[in-house]
C-alpha atoms as a PDB file:
ATOM      1  CA  UNK A   1     120.509  43.068  88.707  1.00  0.00           C
ATOM      2  CA  UNK A   2     119.882  43.417  92.442  1.00  0.00           C
ATOM      3  CA  UNK A   3     123.388  42.135  93.209  1.00  0.00           C
ATOM      4  CA  UNK A   4     124.912  44.656  90.774  1.00  0.00           C
ATOM      5  CA  UNK A   5     122.980  47.518  92.342  1.00  0.00           C
ATOM      6  CA  UNK A   6     124.105  46.517  95.839  1.00  0.00           C
ATOM      7  CA  UNK A   7     127.706  46.292  94.699  1.00  0.00           C
ATOM      8  CA  UNK A   8     127.507  49.799  93.237  1.00  0.00           C
ATOM      9  CA  UNK A   9     126.132  51.130  96.533  1.00  0.00           C
ATOM     10  CA  UNK A  10     128.890  49.414  98.495  1.00  0.00           C
ATOM     11  CA  UNK A  11     131.513  50.845  96.087  1.00  0.00           C
ATOM     12  CA  UNK A  12     130.119  54.369  96.414  1.00  0.00           C
ATOM     13  CA  UNK A  13     130.018  54.067 100.199  1.00  0.00           C
ATOM     14  CA  UNK A  14     133.595  52.786 100.268  1.00  0.00           C
ATOM     15  CA  UNK A  15     134.716  55.646  97.984  1.00  0.00           C
ATOM     16  CA  UNK A  16     133.092  58.170 100.318  1.00  0.00           C
ATOM     17  CA  UNK A  17     134.890  56.608 103.287  1.00  0.00           C
ATOM     18  CA  UNK A  18     138.211  56.832 101.467  1.00  0.00           C
ATOM     19  CA  UNK A  19     137.664  60.539 100.720  1.00  0.00           C
ATOM     20  CA  UNK A  20     139.095  63.019 103.174  1.00  0.00           C
ATOM     21  CA  UNK A  21     136.986  65.138 105.536  1.00  0.00           C
ATOM     22  CA  UNK A  22     137.265  68.246 103.317  1.00  0.00           C
ATOM     23  CA  UNK A  23     136.124  66.340 100.233  1.00  0.00           C
ATOM     24  CA  UNK A  24     133.226  64.769 102.134  1.00  0.00           C
ATOM     25  CA  UNK A  25     132.239  68.235 103.356  1.00  0.00           C
ATOM     26  CA  UNK A  26     132.293  69.681  99.831  1.00  0.00           C
ATOM     27  CA  UNK A  27     130.290  66.734  98.473  1.00  0.00           C
ATOM     28  CA  UNK A  28     127.301  67.601 100.661  1.00  0.00           C
ATOM     29  CA  UNK A  29     124.336  68.989  98.733  1.00  0.00           C
ATOM     30  CA  UNK A  30     123.789  71.989 101.034  1.00  0.00           C
ATOM     31  CA  UNK A  31     127.440  73.011 100.796  1.00  0.00           C
ATOM     32  CA  UNK A  32     127.288  72.847  96.993  1.00  0.00           C
ATOM     33  CA  UNK A  33     124.226  75.101  97.071  1.00  0.00           C
ATOM     34  CA  UNK A  34     126.000  77.698  99.207  1.00  0.00           C
ATOM     35  CA  UNK A  35     128.993  77.593  96.874  1.00  0.00           C
ATOM     36  CA  UNK A  36     126.738  78.351  93.914  1.00  0.00           C
ATOM     37  CA  UNK A  37     125.219  81.411  95.638  1.00  0.00           C
ATOM     38  CA  UNK A  38     128.529  82.513  97.166  1.00  0.00           C
ATOM     39  CA  UNK A  39     129.099  85.291  94.541  1.00  0.00           C
ATOM     40  CA  UNK A  40     125.833  86.953  95.634  1.00  0.00           C
ATOM     41  CA  UNK A  41     126.674  86.473  99.333  1.00  0.00           C
ATOM     42  CA  UNK A  42     130.138  87.993  98.865  1.00  0.00           C
ATOM     43  CA  UNK A  43     128.667  90.906  96.884  1.00  0.00           C
ATOM     44  CA  UNK A  44     126.062  91.510  99.590  1.00  0.00           C
ATOM     45  CA  UNK A  45     128.667  91.502 102.372  1.00  0.00           C
ATOM     46  CA  UNK A  46     131.001  93.829 100.455  1.00  0.00           C
ATOM     47  CA  UNK A  47     128.572  96.337  98.910  1.00  0.00           C
ATOM     48  CA  UNK A  48     125.180  96.125 100.660  1.00  0.00           C
ATOM     49  CA  UNK A  49     125.596  95.175 104.307  1.00  0.00           C
ATOM     50  CA  UNK A  50     127.373  98.356 105.423  1.00  0.00           C
ATOM     51  CA  UNK A  51     124.927 100.763 103.649  1.00  0.00           C
ATOM     52  CA  UNK A  52     122.041  98.830 105.193  1.00  0.00           C
ATOM     53  CA  UNK A  53     123.493  99.062 108.695  1.00  0.00           C
ATOM     54  CA  UNK A  54     124.419 102.723 108.146  1.00  0.00           C
ATOM     55  CA  UNK A  55     120.855 103.526 107.034  1.00  0.00           C
ATOM     56  CA  UNK A  56     119.510 101.778 110.118  1.00  0.00           C
ATOM     57  CA  UNK A  57     121.794 103.841 112.365  1.00  0.00           C
ATOM     58  CA  UNK A  58     120.977 107.121 110.590  1.00  0.00           C
ATOM     59  CA  UNK A  59     117.259 106.486 111.079  1.00  0.00           C
ATOM     60  CA  UNK A  60     117.802 107.233 114.792  1.00  0.00           C
ATOM     61  CA  UNK A  61     119.608 110.500 114.109  1.00  0.00           C
ATOM     62  CA  UNK A  62     118.963 114.015 112.891  1.00  0.00           C
ATOM     63  CA  UNK A  63     121.187 114.077 109.851  1.00  0.00           C
ATOM     64  CA  UNK A  64     121.215 117.081 107.520  1.00  0.00           C
ATOM     65  CA  UNK A  65     123.351 118.008 104.530  1.00  0.00           C
ATOM     66  CA  UNK A  66     125.946 119.700 106.734  1.00  0.00           C
ATOM     67  CA  UNK A  67     127.155 118.551 110.124  1.00  0.00           C
ATOM     68  CA  UNK A  68     127.402 115.210 111.866  1.00  0.00           C
ATOM     69  CA  UNK A  69     124.435 112.992 112.721  1.00  0.00           C
ATOM     70  CA  UNK A  70     122.859 113.789 116.098  1.00  0.00           C
ATOM     71  CA  UNK A  71     121.263 110.887 117.982  1.00  0.00           C
ATOM     72  CA  UNK A  72     117.543 111.506 118.634  1.00  0.00           C
ATOM     73  CA  UNK A  73     116.307 107.965 119.242  1.00  0.00           C
ATOM     74  CA  UNK A  74     112.861 107.069 117.886  1.00  0.00           C
ATOM     75  CA  UNK A  75     111.849 110.642 117.088  1.00  0.00           C
ATOM     76  CA  UNK A  76     112.064 110.147 113.319  1.00  0.00           C
ATOM     77  CA  UNK A  77     109.734 107.159 113.527  1.00  0.00           C
ATOM     78  CA  UNK A  78     107.306 109.070 115.743  1.00  0.00           C
ATOM     79  CA  UNK A  79     107.284 111.979 113.278  1.00  0.00           C
ATOM     80  CA  UNK A  80     106.836 109.578 110.394  1.00  0.00           C
ATOM     81  CA  UNK A  81     103.734 107.927 111.813  1.00  0.00           C
ATOM     82  CA  UNK A  82     102.249 111.362 112.577  1.00  0.00           C
ATOM     83  CA  UNK A  83     102.999 112.639 109.066  1.00  0.00           C
ATOM     84  CA  UNK A  84      99.703 112.972 107.118  1.00  0.00           C
ATOM     85  CA  UNK A  85     101.589 112.816 103.812  1.00  0.00           C
ATOM     86  CA  UNK A  86     103.068 109.439 104.697  1.00  0.00           C
ATOM     87  CA  UNK A  87      99.615 108.217 105.738  1.00  0.00           C
ATOM     88  CA  UNK A  88      98.220 109.290 102.378  1.00  0.00           C
ATOM     89  CA  UNK A  89     101.147 107.617 100.673  1.00  0.00           C
ATOM     90  CA  UNK A  90     100.385 104.324 102.464  1.00  0.00           C
ATOM     91  CA  UNK A  91      96.774 104.524 101.252  1.00  0.00           C
ATOM     92  CA  UNK A  92      97.970 105.168  97.694  1.00  0.00           C
ATOM     93  CA  UNK A  93     100.327 102.204  97.907  1.00  0.00           C
ATOM     94  CA  UNK A  94      97.585  99.860  99.125  1.00  0.00           C
ATOM     95  CA  UNK A  95      95.458 100.809  96.111  1.00  0.00           C
ATOM     96  CA  UNK A  96      98.335 100.815  93.641  1.00  0.00           C
ATOM     97  CA  UNK A  97     100.088  97.625  94.739  1.00  0.00           C
ATOM     98  CA  UNK A  98      96.828  95.642  94.962  1.00  0.00           C
ATOM     99  CA  UNK A  99      95.450  96.648  91.551  1.00  0.00           C
ATOM    100  CA  UNK A 100      98.814  96.645  89.757  1.00  0.00           C
ATOM    101  CA  UNK A 101      99.649  93.148  91.035  1.00  0.00           C
ATOM    102  CA  UNK A 102      96.238  91.864  89.886  1.00  0.00           C
ATOM    103  CA  UNK A 103      96.860  93.390  86.440  1.00  0.00           C
ATOM    104  CA  UNK A 104     100.283  91.767  86.226  1.00  0.00           C
ATOM    105  CA  UNK A 105      99.070  88.339  87.308  1.00  0.00           C
ATOM    106  CA  UNK A 106      95.771  88.152  85.419  1.00  0.00           C
ATOM    107  CA  UNK A 107      97.103  89.880  82.307  1.00  0.00           C
ATOM    108  CA  UNK A 108     100.322  87.863  82.236  1.00  0.00           C
ATOM    109  CA  UNK A 109      98.516  84.555  82.757  1.00  0.00           C
ATOM    110  CA  UNK A 110      95.911  85.389  80.108  1.00  0.00           C
ATOM    111  CA  UNK A 111      98.585  86.228  77.541  1.00  0.00           C
ATOM    112  CA  UNK A 112     100.553  83.100  78.457  1.00  0.00           C
ATOM    113  CA  UNK A 113      97.510  80.860  77.970  1.00  0.00           C
ATOM    114  CA  UNK A 114      96.887  82.407  74.551  1.00  0.00           C
ATOM    115  CA  UNK A 115     100.475  82.467  73.316  1.00  0.00           C
ATOM    116  CA  UNK A 116     101.465  79.035  74.644  1.00  0.00           C
ATOM    117  CA  UNK A 117      99.280  77.517  71.917  1.00  0.00           C
ATOM    118  CA  UNK A 118     100.882  76.434  68.652  1.00  0.00           C
ATOM    119  CA  UNK A 119      99.787  78.759  65.859  1.00  0.00           C
ATOM    120  CA  UNK A 120     101.681  80.626  63.126  1.00  0.00           C
ATOM    121  CA  UNK A 121     103.481  83.655  64.530  1.00  0.00           C
ATOM    122  CA  UNK A 122     103.042  82.857  68.236  1.00  0.00           C
ATOM    123  CA  UNK A 123     106.745  83.474  68.920  1.00  0.00           C
ATOM    124  CA  UNK A 124     106.547  86.847  67.160  1.00  0.00           C
ATOM    125  CA  UNK A 125     103.653  87.883  69.405  1.00  0.00           C
ATOM    126  CA  UNK A 126     105.631  86.766  72.471  1.00  0.00           C
ATOM    127  CA  UNK A 127     108.467  89.091  71.459  1.00  0.00           C
ATOM    128  CA  UNK A 128     106.050  91.958  70.770  1.00  0.00           C
ATOM    129  CA  UNK A 129     104.402  91.660  74.185  1.00  0.00           C
ATOM    130  CA  UNK A 130     107.712  91.155  76.015  1.00  0.00           C
ATOM    131  CA  UNK A 131     109.713  94.027  74.484  1.00  0.00           C
ATOM    132  CA  UNK A 132     107.907  96.823  76.431  1.00  0.00           C
ATOM    133  CA  UNK A 133     108.996  95.101  79.656  1.00  0.00           C
ATOM    134  CA  UNK A 134     112.614  95.867  78.721  1.00  0.00           C
ATOM    135  CA  UNK A 135     112.045  99.624  78.416  1.00  0.00           C
ATOM    136  CA  UNK A 136     113.164 101.881  81.261  1.00  0.00           C
ATOM    137  CA  UNK A 137     110.586 103.638  83.414  1.00  0.00           C
ATOM    138  CA  UNK A 138     111.599 107.168  82.344  1.00  0.00           C
ATOM    139  CA  UNK A 139     110.925 106.369  78.685  1.00  0.00           C
ATOM    140  CA  UNK A 140     107.626 104.694  79.566  1.00  0.00           C
ATOM    141  CA  UNK A 141     106.592 107.660  81.712  1.00  0.00           C
ATOM    142  CA  UNK A 142     107.427 110.178  78.982  1.00  0.00           C
ATOM    143  CA  UNK A 143     105.472 108.161  76.430  1.00  0.00           C
ATOM    144  CA  UNK A 144     102.402 107.783  78.634  1.00  0.00           C
ATOM    145  CA  UNK A 145     102.385 111.511  79.385  1.00  0.00           C
ATOM    146  CA  UNK A 146     101.290 111.882  75.772  1.00  0.00           C
ATOM    147  CA  UNK A 147      98.763 109.070  76.153  1.00  0.00           C
ATOM    148  CA  UNK A 148      97.166 110.763  79.183  1.00  0.00           C
ATOM    149  CA  UNK A 149      97.488 114.303  77.866  1.00  0.00           C
ATOM    150  CA  UNK A 150      94.470 116.397  78.871  1.00  0.00           C
ATOM    151  CA  UNK A 151      94.297 118.187  75.514  1.00  0.00           C
ATOM    152  CA  UNK A 152      92.386 116.928  72.521  1.00  0.00           C
ATOM    153  CA  UNK A 153      95.489 115.241  71.082  1.00  0.00           C
ATOM    154  CA  UNK A 154      95.900 112.942  74.100  1.00  0.00           C
ATOM    155  CA  UNK A 155      95.581 109.372  72.827  1.00  0.00           C
ATOM    156  CA  UNK A 156      93.281 108.141  75.588  1.00  0.00           C
ATOM    157  CA  UNK A 157      91.015 111.177  75.297  1.00  0.00           C
ATOM    158  CA  UNK A 158      90.914 110.632  71.528  1.00  0.00           C
ATOM    159  CA  UNK A 159      89.625 107.110  72.149  1.00  0.00           C
ATOM    160  CA  UNK A 160      87.069 108.381  74.662  1.00  0.00           C
ATOM    161  CA  UNK A 161      85.883 110.955  72.117  1.00  0.00           C
ATOM    162  CA  UNK A 162      84.887 108.097  69.799  1.00  0.00           C
ATOM    163  CA  UNK A 163      82.333 107.132  72.450  1.00  0.00           C
ATOM    164  CA  UNK A 164      81.255 110.778  72.920  1.00  0.00           C
ATOM    165  CA  UNK A 165      82.922 110.995  76.361  1.00  0.00           C
ATOM    166  CA  UNK A 166      84.338 114.379  77.376  1.00  0.00           C
ATOM    167  CA  UNK A 167      88.149 114.668  77.758  1.00  0.00           C
ATOM    168  CA  UNK A 168      89.507 113.874  81.206  1.00  0.00           C
ATOM    169  CA  UNK A 169      92.387 115.715  82.840  1.00  0.00           C
ATOM    170  CA  UNK A 170      94.315 112.629  83.908  1.00  0.00           C
ATOM    171  CA  UNK A 171      97.568 114.052  85.229  1.00  0.00           C
ATOM    172  CA  UNK A 172      96.438 117.295  86.901  1.00  0.00           C
ATOM    173  CA  UNK A 173      92.832 116.856  87.884  1.00  0.00           C
ATOM    174  CA  UNK A 174      92.332 119.422  90.645  1.00  0.00           C
ATOM    175  CA  UNK A 175      88.776 118.261  91.394  1.00  0.00           C
ATOM    176  CA  UNK A 176      89.664 114.559  91.638  1.00  0.00           C
ATOM    177  CA  UNK A 177      93.438 114.173  92.218  1.00  0.00           C
ATOM    178  CA  UNK A 178      93.074 110.398  92.733  1.00  0.00           C
ATOM    179  CA  UNK A 179      92.500 110.025  88.969  1.00  0.00           C
ATOM    180  CA  UNK A 180      96.242 110.463  88.515  1.00  0.00           C
ATOM    181  CA  UNK A 181      96.860 107.355  90.619  1.00  0.00           C
ATOM    182  CA  UNK A 182      94.476 105.374  88.416  1.00  0.00           C
ATOM    183  CA  UNK A 183      96.449 106.524  85.378  1.00  0.00           C
ATOM    184  CA  UNK A 184      99.612 105.210  87.023  1.00  0.00           C
ATOM    185  CA  UNK A 185      97.874 101.872  87.643  1.00  0.00           C
ATOM    186  CA  UNK A 186      96.749 101.744  84.005  1.00  0.00           C
ATOM    187  CA  UNK A 187     100.400 101.884  82.852  1.00  0.00           C
ATOM    188  CA  UNK A 188     100.959  98.398  84.279  1.00  0.00           C
ATOM    189  CA  UNK A 189      99.103  96.848  81.347  1.00  0.00           C
ATOM    190  CA  UNK A 190     102.182  97.786  79.340  1.00  0.00           C
ATOM    191  CA  UNK A 191     104.475  95.555  81.429  1.00  0.00           C
ATOM    192  CA  UNK A 192     102.504  92.286  81.574  1.00  0.00           C
ATOM    193  CA  UNK A 193     104.922  90.694  79.090  1.00  0.00           C
ATOM    194  CA  UNK A 194     107.395  90.014  81.904  1.00  0.00           C
ATOM    195  CA  UNK A 195     105.058  87.787  83.887  1.00  0.00           C
ATOM    196  CA  UNK A 196     103.709  86.343  80.624  1.00  0.00           C
ATOM    197  CA  UNK A 197     107.129  84.918  79.739  1.00  0.00           C
ATOM    198  CA  UNK A 198     107.524  83.249  83.139  1.00  0.00           C
ATOM    199  CA  UNK A 199     103.995  81.821  82.960  1.00  0.00           C
ATOM    200  CA  UNK A 200     104.741  80.387  79.500  1.00  0.00           C
ATOM    201  CA  UNK A 201     107.805  78.633  80.922  1.00  0.00           C
ATOM    202  CA  UNK A 202     105.637  77.237  83.719  1.00  0.00           C
ATOM    203  CA  UNK A 203     102.993  76.019  81.259  1.00  0.00           C
ATOM    204  CA  UNK A 204     105.665  74.307  79.169  1.00  0.00           C
ATOM    205  CA  UNK A 205     106.784  72.422  82.268  1.00  0.00           C
ATOM    206  CA  UNK A 206     103.380  70.768  82.813  1.00  0.00           C
ATOM    207  CA  UNK A 207     103.299  67.240  81.420  1.00  0.00           C
ATOM    208  CA  UNK A 208     100.730  66.654  78.671  1.00  0.00           C
ATOM    209  CA  UNK A 209      99.850  63.268  80.158  1.00  0.00           C
ATOM    210  CA  UNK A 210      97.674  65.043  82.744  1.00  0.00           C
ATOM    211  CA  UNK A 211      95.635  66.716  80.023  1.00  0.00           C
ATOM    212  CA  UNK A 212      95.349  63.526  77.994  1.00  0.00           C
ATOM    213  CA  UNK A 213      94.025  61.640  81.020  1.00  0.00           C
ATOM    214  CA  UNK A 214      91.573  64.465  81.768  1.00  0.00           C
ATOM    215  CA  UNK A 215      90.260  64.435  78.181  1.00  0.00           C
ATOM    216  CA  UNK A 216      89.724  60.679  78.397  1.00  0.00           C
ATOM    217  CA  UNK A 217      87.689  61.256  81.578  1.00  0.00           C
ATOM    218  CA  UNK A 218      85.597  63.850  79.734  1.00  0.00           C
ATOM    219  CA  UNK A 219      86.948  67.016  81.405  1.00  0.00           C
ATOM    220  CA  UNK A 220      86.269  70.244  79.527  1.00  0.00           C
ATOM    221  CA  UNK A 221      88.661  73.197  79.026  1.00  0.00           C
ATOM    222  CA  UNK A 222      87.622  74.983  82.236  1.00  0.00           C
ATOM    223  CA  UNK A 223      87.844  71.773  84.271  1.00  0.00           C
ATOM    224  CA  UNK A 224      91.332  71.105  82.927  1.00  0.00           C
ATOM    225  CA  UNK A 225      92.365  74.678  83.757  1.00  0.00           C
ATOM    226  CA  UNK A 226      91.049  74.639  87.347  1.00  0.00           C
ATOM    227  CA  UNK A 227      92.086  71.053  88.141  1.00  0.00           C
ATOM    228  CA  UNK A 228      95.415  70.754  86.301  1.00  0.00           C
ATOM    229  CA  UNK A 229      96.854  74.020  84.978  1.00  0.00           C
ATOM    230  CA  UNK A 230      96.201  76.272  87.966  1.00  0.00           C
ATOM    231  CA  UNK A 231      97.358  73.827  90.703  1.00  0.00           C
ATOM    232  CA  UNK A 232     100.566  72.968  88.817  1.00  0.00           C
ATOM    233  CA  UNK A 233     101.233  76.671  88.182  1.00  0.00           C
ATOM    234  CA  UNK A 234     101.064  77.637  91.866  1.00  0.00           C
ATOM    235  CA  UNK A 235     104.893  77.706  92.286  1.00  0.00           C
ATOM    236  CA  UNK A 236     105.099  80.068  89.291  1.00  0.00           C
ATOM    237  CA  UNK A 237     102.210  82.113  90.679  1.00  0.00           C
ATOM    238  CA  UNK A 238     104.075  82.422  93.976  1.00  0.00           C
ATOM    239  CA  UNK A 239     107.274  83.559  92.266  1.00  0.00           C
ATOM    240  CA  UNK A 240     105.517  86.107  90.046  1.00  0.00           C
ATOM    241  CA  UNK A 241     103.457  87.454  92.952  1.00  0.00           C
ATOM    242  CA  UNK A 242     106.495  88.035  95.166  1.00  0.00           C
ATOM    243  CA  UNK A 243     108.563  89.617  92.386  1.00  0.00           C
ATOM    244  CA  UNK A 244     105.765  91.921  91.176  1.00  0.00           C
ATOM    245  CA  UNK A 245     104.807  92.850  94.729  1.00  0.00           C
ATOM    246  CA  UNK A 246     108.348  93.985  95.521  1.00  0.00           C
ATOM    247  CA  UNK A 247     108.613  95.789  92.176  1.00  0.00           C
ATOM    248  CA  UNK A 248     105.385  97.715  92.691  1.00  0.00           C
ATOM    249  CA  UNK A 249     106.386  98.820  96.177  1.00  0.00           C
ATOM    250  CA  UNK A 250     109.506 100.290  94.547  1.00  0.00           C
ATOM    251  CA  UNK A 251     107.657 102.259  91.846  1.00  0.00           C
ATOM    252  CA  UNK A 252     109.398 105.595  91.351  1.00  0.00           C
ATOM    253  CA  UNK A 253     110.413 106.913  87.942  1.00  0.00           C
ATOM    254  CA  UNK A 254     107.029 106.755  86.195  1.00  0.00           C
ATOM    255  CA  UNK A 255     105.296 108.442  89.143  1.00  0.00           C
ATOM    256  CA  UNK A 256     107.980 111.156  89.190  1.00  0.00           C
ATOM    257  CA  UNK A 257     107.612 111.812  85.447  1.00  0.00           C
ATOM    258  CA  UNK A 258     103.836 111.945  85.744  1.00  0.00           C
ATOM    259  CA  UNK A 259     104.023 114.381  88.665  1.00  0.00           C
ATOM    260  CA  UNK A 260     106.303 116.702  86.720  1.00  0.00           C
ATOM    261  CA  UNK A 261     104.271 116.714  83.513  1.00  0.00           C
ATOM    262  CA  UNK A 262     100.974 116.769  85.359  1.00  0.00           C
ATOM    263  CA  UNK A 263     101.711 119.790  87.539  1.00  0.00           C
ATOM    264  CA  UNK A 264     104.268 121.514  85.375  1.00  0.00           C
ATOM    265  CA  UNK A 265     106.272 122.326  88.497  1.00  0.00           C
ATOM    266  CA  UNK A 266     109.239 119.973  88.325  1.00  0.00           C
ATOM    267  CA  UNK A 267     112.248 121.855  87.109  1.00  0.00           C
ATOM    268  CA  UNK A 268     114.635 124.438  88.470  1.00  0.00           C
ATOM    269  CA  UNK A 269     113.301 125.492  91.833  1.00  0.00           C
ATOM    270  CA  UNK A 270     110.193 123.336  91.456  1.00  0.00           C
ATOM    271  CA  UNK A 271     111.262 120.079  93.080  1.00  0.00           C
ATOM    272  CA  UNK A 272     109.005 120.625  96.100  1.00  0.00           C
ATOM    273  CA  UNK A 273     106.057 119.358  94.022  1.00  0.00           C
ATOM    274  CA  UNK A 274     107.395 115.902  93.140  1.00  0.00           C
ATOM    275  CA  UNK A 275     104.320 114.427  94.845  1.00  0.00           C
ATOM    276  CA  UNK A 276     101.923 116.264  92.537  1.00  0.00           C
ATOM    277  CA  UNK A 277      98.874 118.375  93.273  1.00  0.00           C
ATOM    278  CA  UNK A 278      97.562 117.587  96.778  1.00  0.00           C
ATOM    279  CA  UNK A 279     100.187 114.814  96.916  1.00  0.00           C
ATOM    280  CA  UNK A 280      98.183 112.847  94.343  1.00  0.00           C
ATOM    281  CA  UNK A 281     101.366 111.140  93.058  1.00  0.00           C
ATOM    282  CA  UNK A 282     102.852 110.286  96.436  1.00  0.00           C
ATOM    283  CA  UNK A 283     104.296 106.780  96.505  1.00  0.00           C
ATOM    284  CA  UNK A 284     106.916 105.423  98.850  1.00  0.00           C
ATOM    285  CA  UNK A 285     110.008 106.249  96.825  1.00  0.00           C
ATOM    286  CA  UNK A 286     108.921 109.687  95.595  1.00  0.00           C
ATOM    287  CA  UNK A 287     108.139 110.575  99.206  1.00  0.00           C
ATOM    288  CA  UNK A 288     111.553 109.268 100.244  1.00  0.00           C
ATOM    289  CA  UNK A 289     113.212 111.142  97.378  1.00  0.00           C
ATOM    290  CA  UNK A 290     111.614 114.432  98.418  1.00  0.00           C
ATOM    291  CA  UNK A 291     112.487 114.220 102.117  1.00  0.00           C
ATOM    292  CA  UNK A 292     115.980 112.760 101.781  1.00  0.00           C
ATOM    293  CA  UNK A 293     117.376 114.288  98.578  1.00  0.00           C
ATOM    294  CA  UNK A 294     115.426 117.538  98.180  1.00  0.00           C
ATOM    295  CA  UNK A 295     114.892 118.582 101.791  1.00  0.00           C
ATOM    296  CA  UNK A 296     118.206 116.887 102.768  1.00  0.00           C
ATOM    297  CA  UNK A 297     116.646 115.343 105.859  1.00  0.00           C
ATOM    298  CA  UNK A 298     118.655 112.138 105.650  1.00  0.00           C
ATOM    299  CA  UNK A 299     117.774 110.842 109.104  1.00  0.00           C
ATOM    300  CA  UNK A 300     114.052 111.109 108.413  1.00  0.00           C
ATOM    301  CA  UNK A 301     114.546 109.594 104.966  1.00  0.00           C
ATOM    302  CA  UNK A 302     116.508 106.710 106.491  1.00  0.00           C
ATOM    303  CA  UNK A 303     113.649 106.013 108.903  1.00  0.00           C
ATOM    304  CA  UNK A 304     111.246 105.985 105.964  1.00  0.00           C
ATOM    305  CA  UNK A 305     113.535 103.587 104.087  1.00  0.00           C
ATOM    306  CA  UNK A 306     113.580 101.199 107.047  1.00  0.00           C
ATOM    307  CA  UNK A 307     109.775 101.303 107.303  1.00  0.00           C
ATOM    308  CA  UNK A 308     109.457 100.595 103.567  1.00  0.00           C
ATOM    309  CA  UNK A 309     111.875  97.688 103.951  1.00  0.00           C
ATOM    310  CA  UNK A 310     109.877  96.255 106.856  1.00  0.00           C
ATOM    311  CA  UNK A 311     106.580  96.657 104.961  1.00  0.00           C
ATOM    312  CA  UNK A 312     108.082  94.818 101.994  1.00  0.00           C
ATOM    313  CA  UNK A 313     109.417  92.084 104.269  1.00  0.00           C
ATOM    314  CA  UNK A 314     106.087  91.615 106.051  1.00  0.00           C
ATOM    315  CA  UNK A 315     104.032  91.558 102.847  1.00  0.00           C
ATOM    316  CA  UNK A 316     106.412  89.050 101.276  1.00  0.00           C
ATOM    317  CA  UNK A 317     106.153  86.861 104.377  1.00  0.00           C
ATOM    318  CA  UNK A 318     102.348  87.056 104.296  1.00  0.00           C
ATOM    319  CA  UNK A 319     102.312  86.004 100.631  1.00  0.00           C
ATOM    320  CA  UNK A 320     104.641  83.080 101.346  1.00  0.00           C
ATOM    321  CA  UNK A 321     102.489  81.919 104.265  1.00  0.00           C
ATOM    322  CA  UNK A 322      99.283  82.164 102.228  1.00  0.00           C
ATOM    323  CA  UNK A 323     100.721  80.320  99.235  1.00  0.00           C
ATOM    324  CA  UNK A 324     102.286  77.659 101.453  1.00  0.00           C
ATOM    325  CA  UNK A 325      98.821  76.243 102.141  1.00  0.00           C
ATOM    326  CA  UNK A 326      97.928  75.460  98.558  1.00  0.00           C
ATOM    327  CA  UNK A 327     101.157  75.549  96.540  1.00  0.00           C
ATOM    328  CA  UNK A 328     101.563  72.233  94.723  1.00  0.00           C
ATOM    329  CA  UNK A 329     105.056  70.900  94.041  1.00  0.00           C
ATOM    330  CA  UNK A 330     104.920  67.987  91.644  1.00  0.00           C
ATOM    331  CA  UNK A 331     108.204  66.488  92.880  1.00  0.00           C
ATOM    332  CA  UNK A 332     106.746  66.031  96.367  1.00  0.00           C
ATOM    333  CA  UNK A 333     104.034  63.748  95.055  1.00  0.00           C
ATOM    334  CA  UNK A 334     106.158  61.405  92.969  1.00  0.00           C
END
């Protein structure tokens, strides 16, 4: 057997020597990987690289709807960091991104743990919880406007009335505008089916031999979860955290719908209130939308886009560094 294995290695080595330099180059694993992702690379170079570079250049200019861009250096960035609205938006995003990501991760993992069990109808429940994730944000926003309606027929206020709690003006609360942001955070419970599906795939990839050995050693359900399930799910946790983090930074359509229905001012001639009463609905992209596409201050909007990109890049890097310390890859320990 050992002689046969050695002969196969010698034959493979001889075949590689006989192959030409181009074939040997294409047979390398890294080259094959780049060939697989080449469609994305080509698409990025053709359709995304120039707009990205153009946005970066415009961020250093005063660029209005009419006329050519005028170079002003770092003035847009200086104005941006002295803009109280952008400061309030950053505070809103810290609250929103943190709480929404926790909802996605905890809710998705909880549903995955429940629905990964074998019981009649578990696949039906997976479909039911996943379908809302496929709906577009405009439809979700329009639906939740009725849920958060301040009148007696608002669904959430109807539920609160069962507990003898007075109706709350969720979308246009002039005394406490921050309540609108909490309503936007609450909507994320509707989308946990997306992370649930990925967590279920991760749970299916964990070998049952680990659990069988733990049961023999007398480990209970919580011990098996903390010692087996959670460590082996860390790569999936990392993926879901990065994807949801980027998605929440890019929240736009639901916040815009809420601002319009909450203030009643979005419409013809009313686009100056896309951030809501006292800017209570200001998130990164609604702020960018107002300055760039309503006020037509494209240079300032480009600077804001670059800052949002850098914030996303830094936060993603921080998450990767944090997870690198305790992410467990099973293949590395075989």
